[in-house]
Protein backbone atom coordinates (compact mmCIF):
# COMPACT_ATOMS: atom_id res chain seq x y z
CA MET A 1 132.01 159.50 122.82
CA LYS A 2 133.91 157.38 120.31
CA VAL A 3 133.21 157.86 116.59
CA LEU A 4 134.43 155.81 113.63
CA PHE A 5 134.25 157.21 110.12
CA VAL A 6 134.45 154.71 107.23
CA ILE A 7 135.33 156.39 103.96
CA ASN A 8 134.86 154.41 100.66
CA ASP A 9 135.06 156.95 97.82
CA PRO A 10 138.16 158.28 96.04
CA PRO A 11 139.69 161.57 97.24
CA TYR A 12 138.67 163.35 94.03
CA GLY A 13 135.86 163.11 91.53
CA THR A 14 133.12 163.07 94.11
CA GLU A 15 132.86 165.16 97.33
CA ARG A 16 132.01 162.19 99.66
CA ALA A 17 135.57 161.82 100.94
CA TYR A 18 135.99 165.55 101.27
CA ASN A 19 132.78 165.84 103.25
CA GLY A 20 133.61 162.78 105.38
CA LEU A 21 136.95 164.31 106.35
CA ARG A 22 135.35 167.68 107.04
CA HIS A 23 132.87 165.92 109.33
CA ALA A 24 135.62 163.85 111.01
CA ASN A 25 137.78 166.92 111.64
CA ALA A 26 134.85 168.78 113.12
CA MET A 27 134.09 165.86 115.43
CA ALA A 28 137.80 165.51 116.40
CA LYS A 29 137.82 169.10 117.68
CA LEU A 30 134.94 168.47 120.15
CA PRO A 31 135.85 167.77 123.79
CA ASP A 32 135.49 164.25 124.97
CA VAL A 33 135.24 162.80 121.47
CA THR A 34 137.69 160.23 120.16
CA THR A 35 137.69 159.82 116.39
CA LYS A 36 139.08 157.10 114.05
CA ILE A 37 139.00 156.96 110.25
CA PHE A 38 139.12 153.78 108.20
CA PHE A 39 139.87 154.21 104.48
CA MET A 40 138.70 151.41 102.21
CA ALA A 41 138.23 150.73 98.42
CA ASP A 42 139.34 153.83 96.41
CA ALA A 43 139.43 155.93 99.57
CA VAL A 44 142.87 154.46 100.45
CA HIS A 45 144.15 157.12 98.00
CA CYS A 46 142.92 159.75 100.55
CA ALA A 47 145.77 158.63 102.75
CA ARG A 48 148.41 158.87 99.99
CA ARG A 49 151.22 161.34 100.56
CA GLY A 50 152.38 163.77 97.91
CA GLN A 51 149.01 164.73 96.40
CA ARG A 52 149.14 167.71 94.03
CA VAL A 53 146.00 169.54 93.20
CA PRO A 54 145.21 172.66 91.12
CA GLN A 55 145.51 175.99 92.84
CA GLY A 56 142.38 176.77 94.80
CA TYR A 57 141.21 173.14 94.92
CA TYR A 58 140.85 171.28 98.23
CA ASN A 59 143.67 168.89 99.12
CA VAL A 60 142.60 165.68 100.87
CA GLU A 61 146.14 164.88 102.00
CA HIS A 62 146.14 168.16 103.93
CA MET A 63 142.73 167.27 105.46
CA VAL A 64 143.96 163.89 106.60
CA THR A 65 147.08 165.51 108.11
CA ILE A 66 144.88 167.89 110.10
CA ALA A 67 142.90 164.92 111.37
CA VAL A 68 146.16 163.20 112.49
CA ARG A 69 147.19 166.36 114.22
CA HIS A 70 143.91 166.23 116.16
CA GLN A 71 144.90 162.71 117.43
CA VAL A 72 142.60 160.91 114.92
CA GLU A 73 143.84 157.40 114.34
CA GLY A 74 143.74 156.45 110.60
CA GLY A 75 143.79 152.99 109.04
CA ALA A 76 143.88 152.02 105.36
CA CYS A 77 142.61 148.64 104.25
CA GLY A 78 145.64 146.59 103.33
CA SER A 79 143.85 144.46 100.68
CA CYS A 80 142.57 147.68 99.04
CA MET A 81 146.01 149.17 99.20
CA ASP A 82 147.48 146.06 97.48
CA ALA A 83 144.86 146.07 94.73
CA ARG A 84 145.83 149.73 93.97
CA ALA A 85 149.63 149.22 94.24
CA LEU A 86 149.79 151.47 97.29
CA SER A 87 152.71 150.73 99.63
CA ASP A 88 153.00 151.39 103.37
CA GLU A 89 155.64 154.02 102.51
CA ASP A 90 153.07 155.91 100.33
CA LEU A 91 150.88 156.56 103.33
CA ILE A 92 150.62 159.88 105.18
CA PRO A 93 152.40 159.64 108.56
CA GLY A 94 149.80 158.84 111.21
CA VAL A 95 147.83 156.49 108.89
CA HIS A 96 148.74 152.81 108.96
CA ARG A 97 148.03 149.70 106.90
CA SER A 98 145.03 148.08 108.48
CA SER A 99 142.73 145.14 108.05
CA MET A 100 139.19 144.01 108.17
CA ASP A 101 139.95 142.54 111.57
CA GLU A 102 140.88 145.99 112.79
CA LEU A 103 137.81 147.47 111.15
CA ALA A 104 135.70 144.93 113.03
CA ALA A 105 137.42 145.82 116.33
CA TRP A 106 137.00 149.55 115.69
CA THR A 107 133.30 149.01 114.86
CA LEU A 108 132.77 147.39 118.27
CA TRP A 109 134.82 150.09 119.96
CA ALA A 110 132.77 152.92 118.48
CA ASP A 111 129.63 154.39 119.89
CA GLN A 112 128.81 155.73 116.46
CA VAL A 113 129.88 154.56 113.01
CA ILE A 114 129.46 156.96 110.09
CA VAL A 115 129.93 155.79 106.52
CA TYR A 116 130.87 157.99 103.60
C-alpha cells in the first residue's frame, strides 16, 4: 500500500501536524506500506531543522527525522517555503524542496491520501 500524508498546519499552536506525523510514523512502520509526506502552507516549518522547544514538549523536527529514518520521503512546497523565507539549507536532511507538480504526481501514485 502507498500512503501520502499532506500536512497544512504549523508545527506548533495546533496538534494537527503533530497528529499527522504520529499517524505517518505509525503507517511507515507497517510492512508493505510506503509512505510520503508533503508539507505545505505553514507546515513547511515542520521540516525546519534546529527547532528548540520547552522541556517536556513534543519536537516536530524529531518526529520528521524519525519518519525519514523509516524511509519516508518528504517534500516541502517550494512556493510556501519562499513565502516564509525558508531556504533549502533550512530543511531537515531527507526532506527536499518540492512543488505542486510533485504533489500531483504523488497524489496519483498513492492508494490513499490523508490530509491534516
